[in-house]
């Protein structure tokens, strides 16, 4: 992996606190938001972020697990993909 950036998607029924709780987990892992887009489409919350993690001593598996657990607690689906993997999967 050549970068320390990730694509994070959050999708589910809208409710109070989604952004706050997801970004709290991110902050606890010292993950910074580089770019963000969020909208609500007929009651469905959608958010996609480009995020960056520290290059040293970052445990991706632990971060993915924590984000997944927080998503389940909120009733939303959270996916964390390394930027390189995301770009490879979506290239034409």
PDB file of N, CA and C in Angstrom:
ATOM      1  N   UNK A   1       0.843  -1.169   0.000  1.00  0.00           N
ATOM      2  CA  UNK A   1       0.000   0.000   0.000  1.00  0.00           C
ATOM      3  C   UNK A   1       0.894   1.239   0.000  1.00  0.00           C
ATOM      4  N   UNK A   2       0.573   2.151  -0.898  1.00  0.00           N
ATOM      5  CA  UNK A   2       1.439   3.311  -1.046  1.00  0.00           C
ATOM      6  C   UNK A   2       0.934   4.544  -0.318  1.00  0.00           C
ATOM      7  N   UNK A   3      -0.320   4.573   0.061  1.00  0.00           N
ATOM      8  CA  UNK A   3      -0.828   5.744   0.770  1.00  0.00           C
ATOM      9  C   UNK A   3      -1.397   5.319   2.115  1.00  0.00           C
ATOM     10  N   UNK A   4      -1.695   6.290   2.941  1.00  0.00           N
ATOM     11  CA  UNK A   4      -2.324   6.016   4.236  1.00  0.00           C
ATOM     12  C   UNK A   4      -3.729   6.610   4.241  1.00  0.00           C
ATOM     13  N   UNK A   5      -4.348   6.632   3.044  1.00  0.00           N
ATOM     14  CA  UNK A   5      -5.680   7.225   2.914  1.00  0.00           C
ATOM     15  C   UNK A   5      -6.725   6.137   2.680  1.00  0.00           C
ATOM     16  N   UNK A   6      -7.934   6.437   3.133  1.00  0.00           N
ATOM     17  CA  UNK A   6      -9.024   5.474   3.090  1.00  0.00           C
ATOM     18  C   UNK A   6     -10.300   6.123   2.596  1.00  0.00           C
ATOM     19  N   UNK A   7     -11.134   5.310   1.958  1.00  0.00           N
ATOM     20  CA  UNK A   7     -12.484   5.729   1.592  1.00  0.00           C
ATOM     21  C   UNK A   7     -13.400   5.108   2.639  1.00  0.00           C
ATOM     22  N   UNK A   8     -14.180   5.945   3.288  1.00  0.00           N
ATOM     23  CA  UNK A   8     -15.114   5.479   4.315  1.00  0.00           C
ATOM     24  C   UNK A   8     -16.518   5.829   3.858  1.00  0.00           C
ATOM     25  N   UNK A   9     -17.388   4.832   3.789  1.00  0.00           N
ATOM     26  CA  UNK A   9     -18.785   5.078   3.429  1.00  0.00           C
ATOM     27  C   UNK A   9     -19.686   4.695   4.597  1.00  0.00           C
ATOM     28  N   UNK A  10     -20.731   5.489   4.767  1.00  0.00           N
ATOM     29  CA  UNK A  10     -21.715   5.255   5.823  1.00  0.00           C
ATOM     30  C   UNK A  10     -23.088   5.393   5.182  1.00  0.00           C
ATOM     31  N   UNK A  11     -23.910   4.353   5.304  1.00  0.00           N
ATOM     32  CA  UNK A  11     -25.245   4.366   4.696  1.00  0.00           C
ATOM     33  C   UNK A  11     -26.234   3.718   5.659  1.00  0.00           C
ATOM     34  N   UNK A  12     -27.400   4.342   5.811  1.00  0.00           N
ATOM     35  CA  UNK A  12     -28.448   3.759   6.637  1.00  0.00           C
ATOM     36  C   UNK A  12     -29.550   4.756   6.913  1.00  0.00           C
ATOM     37  N   UNK A  13     -30.511   4.336   7.694  1.00  0.00           N
ATOM     38  CA  UNK A  13     -31.616   5.225   8.057  1.00  0.00           C
ATOM     39  C   UNK A  13     -31.079   6.395   8.861  1.00  0.00           C
ATOM     40  N   UNK A  14     -31.581   7.584   8.546  1.00  0.00           N
ATOM     41  CA  UNK A  14     -31.115   8.793   9.223  1.00  0.00           C
ATOM     42  C   UNK A  14     -31.535   8.783  10.681  1.00  0.00           C
ATOM     43  N   UNK A  15     -30.656   9.265  11.520  1.00  0.00           N
ATOM     44  CA  UNK A  15     -30.953   9.452  12.942  1.00  0.00           C
ATOM     45  C   UNK A  15     -29.953  10.447  13.508  1.00  0.00           C
ATOM     46  N   UNK A  16     -30.257  10.983  14.643  1.00  0.00           N
ATOM     47  CA  UNK A  16     -29.394  11.954  15.300  1.00  0.00           C
ATOM     48  C   UNK A  16     -28.101  11.270  15.763  1.00  0.00           C
ATOM     49  N   UNK A  17     -26.961  11.927  15.519  1.00  0.00           N
ATOM     50  CA  UNK A  17     -25.704  11.481  16.097  1.00  0.00           C
ATOM     51  C   UNK A  17     -24.793  10.647  15.226  1.00  0.00           C
ATOM     52  N   UNK A  18     -25.203  10.339  13.990  1.00  0.00           N
ATOM     53  CA  UNK A  18     -24.373   9.480  13.147  1.00  0.00           C
ATOM     54  C   UNK A  18     -22.999  10.116  12.920  1.00  0.00           C
ATOM     55  N   UNK A  19     -22.980  11.341  12.442  1.00  0.00           N
ATOM     56  CA  UNK A  19     -21.706  12.002  12.138  1.00  0.00           C
ATOM     57  C   UNK A  19     -20.859  12.124  13.400  1.00  0.00           C
ATOM     58  N   UNK A  20     -21.469  12.515  14.492  1.00  0.00           N
ATOM     59  CA  UNK A  20     -20.736  12.703  15.753  1.00  0.00           C
ATOM     60  C   UNK A  20     -20.082  11.402  16.212  1.00  0.00           C
ATOM     61  N   UNK A  21     -20.817  10.314  16.180  1.00  0.00           N
ATOM     62  CA  UNK A  21     -20.272   9.055  16.690  1.00  0.00           C
ATOM     63  C   UNK A  21     -19.234   8.453  15.756  1.00  0.00           C
ATOM     64  N   UNK A  22     -19.448   8.553  14.454  1.00  0.00           N
ATOM     65  CA  UNK A  22     -18.466   8.022  13.494  1.00  0.00           C
ATOM     66  C   UNK A  22     -17.169   8.817  13.586  1.00  0.00           C
ATOM     67  N   UNK A  23     -17.285  10.137  13.640  1.00  0.00           N
ATOM     68  CA  UNK A  23     -16.063  10.953  13.695  1.00  0.00           C
ATOM     69  C   UNK A  23     -15.361  10.843  15.047  1.00  0.00           C
ATOM     70  N   UNK A  24     -16.074  10.505  16.092  1.00  0.00           N
ATOM     71  CA  UNK A  24     -15.446  10.270  17.389  1.00  0.00           C
ATOM     72  C   UNK A  24     -14.535   9.041  17.322  1.00  0.00           C
ATOM     73  N   UNK A  25     -15.001   7.988  16.670  1.00  0.00           N
ATOM     74  CA  UNK A  25     -14.159   6.794  16.485  1.00  0.00           C
ATOM     75  C   UNK A  25     -12.936   7.155  15.649  1.00  0.00           C
ATOM     76  N   UNK A  26     -13.160   7.910  14.583  1.00  0.00           N
ATOM     77  CA  UNK A  26     -12.043   8.322  13.735  1.00  0.00           C
ATOM     78  C   UNK A  26     -11.007   9.106  14.540  1.00  0.00           C
ATOM     79  N   UNK A  27     -11.454  10.032  15.348  1.00  0.00           N
ATOM     80  CA  UNK A  27     -10.540  10.847  16.148  1.00  0.00           C
ATOM     81  C   UNK A  27      -9.763   9.989  17.145  1.00  0.00           C
ATOM     82  N   UNK A  28     -10.400   8.977  17.682  1.00  0.00           N
ATOM     83  CA  UNK A  28      -9.710   8.122  18.651  1.00  0.00           C
ATOM     84  C   UNK A  28      -8.559   7.341  18.009  1.00  0.00           C
ATOM     85  N   UNK A  29      -8.615   7.156  16.696  1.00  0.00           N
ATOM     86  CA  UNK A  29      -7.534   6.497  15.940  1.00  0.00           C
ATOM     87  C   UNK A  29      -6.639   7.513  15.228  1.00  0.00           C
ATOM     88  N   UNK A  30      -6.846   8.786  15.515  1.00  0.00           N
ATOM     89  CA  UNK A  30      -6.076   9.866  14.905  1.00  0.00           C
ATOM     90  C   UNK A  30      -6.231   9.888  13.376  1.00  0.00           C
ATOM     91  N   UNK A  31      -7.431   9.574  12.901  1.00  0.00           N
ATOM     92  CA  UNK A  31      -7.750   9.581  11.468  1.00  0.00           C
ATOM     93  C   UNK A  31      -8.385  10.922  11.132  1.00  0.00           C
ATOM     94  N   UNK A  32      -7.825  11.597  10.137  1.00  0.00           N
ATOM     95  CA  UNK A  32      -8.259  12.927   9.742  1.00  0.00           C
ATOM     96  C   UNK A  32      -9.138  12.869   8.491  1.00  0.00           C
ATOM     97  N   UNK A  33     -10.166  13.693   8.436  1.00  0.00           N
ATOM     98  CA  UNK A  33     -11.013  13.807   7.246  1.00  0.00           C
ATOM     99  C   UNK A  33     -10.332  14.742   6.259  1.00  0.00           C
ATOM    100  N   UNK A  34     -10.073  14.247   5.047  1.00  0.00           N
ATOM    101  CA  UNK A  34      -9.473  15.051   3.984  1.00  0.00           C
ATOM    102  C   UNK A  34     -10.581  15.699   3.156  1.00  0.00           C
ATOM    103  N   UNK A  35     -11.636  14.943   2.879  1.00  0.00           N
ATOM    104  CA  UNK A  35     -12.779  15.449   2.116  1.00  0.00           C
ATOM    105  C   UNK A  35     -14.007  14.671   2.561  1.00  0.00           C
ATOM    106  N   UNK A  36     -15.173  15.312   2.492  1.00  0.00           N
ATOM    107  CA  UNK A  36     -16.404  14.665   2.966  1.00  0.00           C
ATOM    108  C   UNK A  36     -17.596  15.140   2.156  1.00  0.00           C
ATOM    109  N   UNK A  37     -18.507  14.218   1.912  1.00  0.00           N
ATOM    110  CA  UNK A  37     -19.778  14.536   1.277  1.00  0.00           C
ATOM    111  C   UNK A  37     -20.856  13.771   2.036  1.00  0.00           C
ATOM    112  N   UNK A  38     -21.913  14.457   2.382  1.00  0.00           N
ATOM    113  CA  UNK A  38     -22.980  13.834   3.160  1.00  0.00           C
ATOM    114  C   UNK A  38     -24.319  14.378   2.700  1.00  0.00           C
ATOM    115  N   UNK A  39     -25.288  13.497   2.598  1.00  0.00           N
ATOM    116  CA  UNK A  39     -26.637  13.930   2.232  1.00  0.00           C
ATOM    117  C   UNK A  39     -27.657  12.966   2.824  1.00  0.00           C
ATOM    118  N   UNK A  40     -28.892  13.408   2.837  1.00  0.00           N
ATOM    119  CA  UNK A  40     -30.000  12.557   3.262  1.00  0.00           C
ATOM    120  C   UNK A  40     -30.956  12.472   2.083  1.00  0.00           C
ATOM    121  N   UNK A  41     -31.198  11.260   1.622  1.00  0.00           N
ATOM    122  CA  UNK A  41     -32.070  11.033   0.469  1.00  0.00           C
ATOM    123  C   UNK A  41     -33.305  10.275   0.942  1.00  0.00           C
ATOM    124  N   UNK A  42     -34.411  10.971   1.064  1.00  0.00           N
ATOM    125  CA  UNK A  42     -35.683  10.389   1.484  1.00  0.00           C
ATOM    126  C   UNK A  42     -35.533   9.544   2.748  1.00  0.00           C
ATOM    127  N   UNK A  43     -34.863  10.127   3.745  1.00  0.00           N
ATOM    128  CA  UNK A  43     -34.704   9.461   5.036  1.00  0.00           C
ATOM    129  C   UNK A  43     -33.514   8.520   5.125  1.00  0.00           C
ATOM    130  N   UNK A  44     -32.782   8.354   4.029  1.00  0.00           N
ATOM    131  CA  UNK A  44     -31.591   7.502   4.030  1.00  0.00           C
ATOM    132  C   UNK A  44     -30.357   8.390   4.122  1.00  0.00           C
ATOM    133  N   UNK A  45     -29.562   8.183   5.160  1.00  0.00           N
ATOM    134  CA  UNK A  45     -28.343   8.934   5.386  1.00  0.00           C
ATOM    135  C   UNK A  45     -27.227   8.319   4.545  1.00  0.00           C
ATOM    136  N   UNK A  46     -26.493   9.156   3.815  1.00  0.00           N
ATOM    137  CA  UNK A  46     -25.339   8.688   3.046  1.00  0.00           C
ATOM    138  C   UNK A  46     -24.172   9.637   3.285  1.00  0.00           C
ATOM    139  N   UNK A  47     -23.009   9.060   3.520  1.00  0.00           N
ATOM    140  CA  UNK A  47     -21.812   9.866   3.712  1.00  0.00           C
ATOM    141  C   UNK A  47     -20.630   9.106   3.124  1.00  0.00           C
ATOM    142  N   UNK A  48     -19.772   9.832   2.427  1.00  0.00           N
ATOM    143  CA  UNK A  48     -18.524   9.264   1.935  1.00  0.00           C
ATOM    144  C   UNK A  48     -17.409  10.225   2.315  1.00  0.00           C
ATOM    145  N   UNK A  49     -16.327   9.653   2.817  1.00  0.00           N
ATOM    146  CA  UNK A  49     -15.194  10.465   3.259  1.00  0.00           C
ATOM    147  C   UNK A  49     -13.907   9.925   2.663  1.00  0.00           C
ATOM    148  N   UNK A  50     -13.021  10.835   2.340  1.00  0.00           N
ATOM    149  CA  UNK A  50     -11.632  10.491   2.086  1.00  0.00           C
ATOM    150  C   UNK A  50     -10.920  10.857   3.376  1.00  0.00           C
ATOM    151  N   UNK A  51     -10.291   9.877   3.986  1.00  0.00           N
ATOM    152  CA  UNK A  51      -9.660  10.088   5.285  1.00  0.00           C
ATOM    153  C   UNK A  51      -8.199   9.658   5.237  1.00  0.00           C
ATOM    154  N   UNK A  52      -7.416  10.218   6.151  1.00  0.00           N
ATOM    155  CA  UNK A  52      -5.991   9.914   6.189  1.00  0.00           C
ATOM    156  C   UNK A  52      -5.594   9.508   7.602  1.00  0.00           C
ATOM    157  N   UNK A  53      -4.803   8.439   7.674  1.00  0.00           N
ATOM    158  CA  UNK A  53      -4.356   7.920   8.965  1.00  0.00           C
ATOM    159  C   UNK A  53      -2.865   8.168   9.141  1.00  0.00           C
ATOM    160  N   UNK A  54      -2.403   8.104  10.380  1.00  0.00           N
ATOM    161  CA  UNK A  54      -0.962   8.216  10.600  1.00  0.00           C
ATOM    162  C   UNK A  54      -0.239   7.084   9.882  1.00  0.00           C
ATOM    163  N   UNK A  55       0.936   7.358   9.358  1.00  0.00           N
ATOM    164  CA  UNK A  55       1.660   6.342   8.586  1.00  0.00           C
ATOM    165  C   UNK A  55       2.316   5.300   9.473  1.00  0.00           C
ATOM    166  N   UNK A  56       2.637   5.637  10.692  1.00  0.00           N
ATOM    167  CA  UNK A  56       3.316   4.700  11.579  1.00  0.00           C
ATOM    168  C   UNK A  56       2.366   4.149  12.637  1.00  0.00           C
ATOM    169  N   UNK A  57       2.506   2.866  12.895  1.00  0.00           N
ATOM    170  CA  UNK A  57       1.775   2.189  13.974  1.00  0.00           C
ATOM    171  C   UNK A  57       0.258   2.312  13.857  1.00  0.00           C
ATOM    172  N   UNK A  58      -0.261   2.320  12.624  1.00  0.00           N
ATOM    173  CA  UNK A  58      -1.708   2.369  12.444  1.00  0.00           C
ATOM    174  C   UNK A  58      -2.219   0.955  12.209  1.00  0.00           C
ATOM    175  N   UNK A  59      -3.172   0.528  13.018  1.00  0.00           N
ATOM    176  CA  UNK A  59      -3.740  -0.818  12.920  1.00  0.00           C
ATOM    177  C   UNK A  59      -5.043  -0.742  12.130  1.00  0.00           C
ATOM    178  N   UNK A  60      -4.941  -0.990  10.818  1.00  0.00           N
ATOM    179  CA  UNK A  60      -6.111  -0.892   9.939  1.00  0.00           C
ATOM    180  C   UNK A  60      -7.208  -1.855  10.362  1.00  0.00           C
ATOM    181  N   UNK A  61      -6.850  -3.081  10.684  1.00  0.00           N
ATOM    182  CA  UNK A  61      -7.868  -4.076  11.065  1.00  0.00           C
ATOM    183  C   UNK A  61      -8.633  -3.624  12.312  1.00  0.00           C
ATOM    184  N   UNK A  62      -7.926  -3.090  13.293  1.00  0.00           N
ATOM    185  CA  UNK A  62      -8.593  -2.608  14.512  1.00  0.00           C
ATOM    186  C   UNK A  62      -9.506  -1.425  14.194  1.00  0.00           C
ATOM    187  N   UNK A  63      -9.038  -0.519  13.327  1.00  0.00           N
ATOM    188  CA  UNK A  63      -9.853   0.628  12.937  1.00  0.00           C
ATOM    189  C   UNK A  63     -11.111   0.171  12.200  1.00  0.00           C
ATOM    190  N   UNK A  64     -10.962  -0.762  11.265  1.00  0.00           N
ATOM    191  CA  UNK A  64     -12.118  -1.273  10.535  1.00  0.00           C
ATOM    192  C   UNK A  64     -13.104  -1.929  11.492  1.00  0.00           C
ATOM    193  N   UNK A  65     -12.604  -2.696  12.438  1.00  0.00           N
ATOM    194  CA  UNK A  65     -13.478  -3.358  13.412  1.00  0.00           C
ATOM    195  C   UNK A  65     -14.225  -2.329  14.265  1.00  0.00           C
ATOM    196  N   UNK A  66     -13.516  -1.309  14.730  1.00  0.00           N
ATOM    197  CA  UNK A  66     -14.151  -0.274  15.555  1.00  0.00           C
ATOM    198  C   UNK A  66     -15.219   0.485  14.774  1.00  0.00           C
ATOM    199  N   UNK A  67     -14.921   0.798  13.507  1.00  0.00           N
ATOM    200  CA  UNK A  67     -15.902   1.512  12.676  1.00  0.00           C
ATOM    201  C   UNK A  67     -17.116   0.634  12.400  1.00  0.00           C
ATOM    202  N   UNK A  68     -16.890  -0.647  12.124  1.00  0.00           N
ATOM    203  CA  UNK A  68     -17.991  -1.575  11.887  1.00  0.00           C
ATOM    204  C   UNK A  68     -18.865  -1.710  13.129  1.00  0.00           C
ATOM    205  N   UNK A  69     -18.233  -1.841  14.277  1.00  0.00           N
ATOM    206  CA  UNK A  69     -18.984  -1.978  15.538  1.00  0.00           C
ATOM    207  C   UNK A  69     -19.815  -0.730  15.823  1.00  0.00           C
ATOM    208  N   UNK A  70     -19.238   0.453  15.588  1.00  0.00           N
ATOM    209  CA  UNK A  70     -19.985   1.692  15.815  1.00  0.00           C
ATOM    210  C   UNK A  70     -21.152   1.792  14.841  1.00  0.00           C
ATOM    211  N   UNK A  71     -20.911   1.396  13.595  1.00  0.00           N
ATOM    212  CA  UNK A  71     -21.985   1.391  12.600  1.00  0.00           C
ATOM    213  C   UNK A  71     -23.136   0.482  13.018  1.00  0.00           C
ATOM    214  N   UNK A  72     -22.801  -0.710  13.476  1.00  0.00           N
ATOM    215  CA  UNK A  72     -23.845  -1.646  13.929  1.00  0.00           C
ATOM    216  C   UNK A  72     -24.616  -1.066  15.101  1.00  0.00           C
ATOM    217  N   UNK A  73     -23.911  -0.424  16.014  1.00  0.00           N
ATOM    218  CA  UNK A  73     -24.554   0.208  17.165  1.00  0.00           C
ATOM    219  C   UNK A  73     -25.529   1.300  16.723  1.00  0.00           C
ATOM    220  N   UNK A  74     -25.175   1.984  15.628  1.00  0.00           N
ATOM    221  CA  UNK A  74     -26.023   3.057  15.099  1.00  0.00           C
ATOM    222  C   UNK A  74     -27.107   2.552  14.141  1.00  0.00           C
ATOM    223  N   UNK A  75     -26.984   1.313  13.693  1.00  0.00           N
ATOM    224  CA  UNK A  75     -27.927   0.783  12.710  1.00  0.00           C
ATOM    225  C   UNK A  75     -27.620   1.231  11.295  1.00  0.00           C
ATOM    226  N   UNK A  76     -26.333   1.532  11.016  1.00  0.00           N
ATOM    227  CA  UNK A  76     -25.909   1.921   9.670  1.00  0.00           C
ATOM    228  C   UNK A  76     -24.774   1.006   9.231  1.00  0.00           C
ATOM    229  N   UNK A  77     -24.522   0.971   7.934  1.00  0.00           N
ATOM    230  CA  UNK A  77     -23.423   0.181   7.387  1.00  0.00           C
ATOM    231  C   UNK A  77     -22.220   1.097   7.170  1.00  0.00           C
ATOM    232  N   UNK A  78     -21.089   0.717   7.729  1.00  0.00           N
ATOM    233  CA  UNK A  78     -19.857   1.482   7.574  1.00  0.00           C
ATOM    234  C   UNK A  78     -18.826   0.595   6.894  1.00  0.00           C
ATOM    235  N   UNK A  79     -18.256   1.087   5.810  1.00  0.00           N
ATOM    236  CA  UNK A  79     -17.203   0.366   5.086  1.00  0.00           C
ATOM    237  C   UNK A  79     -15.953   1.236   5.064  1.00  0.00           C
ATOM    238  N   UNK A  80     -14.813   0.621   5.322  1.00  0.00           N
ATOM    239  CA  UNK A  80     -13.521   1.297   5.262  1.00  0.00           C
ATOM    240  C   UNK A  80     -12.669   0.541   4.256  1.00  0.00           C
ATOM    241  N   UNK A  81     -12.275   1.233   3.184  1.00  0.00           N
ATOM    242  CA  UNK A  81     -11.426   0.626   2.158  1.00  0.00           C
ATOM    243  C   UNK A  81     -10.185   1.473   1.977  1.00  0.00           C
ATOM    244  N   UNK A  82      -9.051   0.815   1.883  1.00  0.00           N
ATOM    245  CA  UNK A  82      -7.823   1.541   1.599  1.00  0.00           C
ATOM    246  C   UNK A  82      -7.973   2.204   0.234  1.00  0.00           C
ATOM    247  N   UNK A  83      -7.472   3.411   0.083  1.00  0.00           N
ATOM    248  CA  UNK A  83      -7.607   4.160  -1.169  1.00  0.00           C
ATOM    249  C   UNK A  83      -7.070   3.374  -2.361  1.00  0.00           C
ATOM    250  N   UNK A  84      -5.934   2.710  -2.202  1.00  0.00           N
ATOM    251  CA  UNK A  84      -5.356   1.948  -3.307  1.00  0.00           C
ATOM    252  C   UNK A  84      -6.301   0.840  -3.762  1.00  0.00           C
ATOM    253  N   UNK A  85      -6.902   0.126  -2.824  1.00  0.00           N
ATOM    254  CA  UNK A  85      -7.850  -0.944  -3.144  1.00  0.00           C
ATOM    255  C   UNK A  85      -9.072  -0.353  -3.841  1.00  0.00           C
ATOM    256  N   UNK A  86      -9.597   0.742  -3.292  1.00  0.00           N
ATOM    257  CA  UNK A  86     -10.767   1.379  -3.878  1.00  0.00           C
ATOM    258  C   UNK A  86     -10.498   1.796  -5.322  1.00  0.00           C
ATOM    259  N   UNK A  87      -9.366   2.447  -5.555  1.00  0.00           N
ATOM    260  CA  UNK A  87      -9.022   2.898  -6.918  1.00  0.00           C
ATOM    261  C   UNK A  87      -8.833   1.714  -7.869  1.00  0.00           C
ATOM    262  N   UNK A  88      -8.202   0.661  -7.395  1.00  0.00           N
ATOM    263  CA  UNK A  88      -8.000  -0.519  -8.221  1.00  0.00           C
ATOM    264  C   UNK A  88      -9.336  -1.151  -8.601  1.00  0.00           C
ATOM    265  N   UNK A  89     -10.247  -1.255  -7.640  1.00  0.00           N
ATOM    266  CA  UNK A  89     -11.550  -1.869  -7.890  1.00  0.00           C
ATOM    267  C   UNK A  89     -12.421  -1.038  -8.814  1.00  0.00           C
ATOM    268  N   UNK A  90     -12.223   0.281  -8.862  1.00  0.00           N
ATOM    269  CA  UNK A  90     -13.102   1.161  -9.614  1.00  0.00           C
ATOM    270  C   UNK A  90     -12.428   1.790 -10.828  1.00  0.00           C
ATOM    271  N   UNK A  91     -11.332   1.224 -11.273  1.00  0.00           N
ATOM    272  CA  UNK A  91     -10.690   1.767 -12.458  1.00  0.00           C
ATOM    273  C   UNK A  91     -11.355   1.204 -13.702  1.00  0.00           C
ATOM    274  N   UNK A  92     -11.264   1.970 -14.776  1.00  0.00           N
ATOM    275  CA  UNK A  92     -11.879   1.554 -16.039  1.00  0.00           C
ATOM    276  C   UNK A  92     -10.807   1.083 -16.990  1.00  0.00           C
TER     277      UNK A  92
END
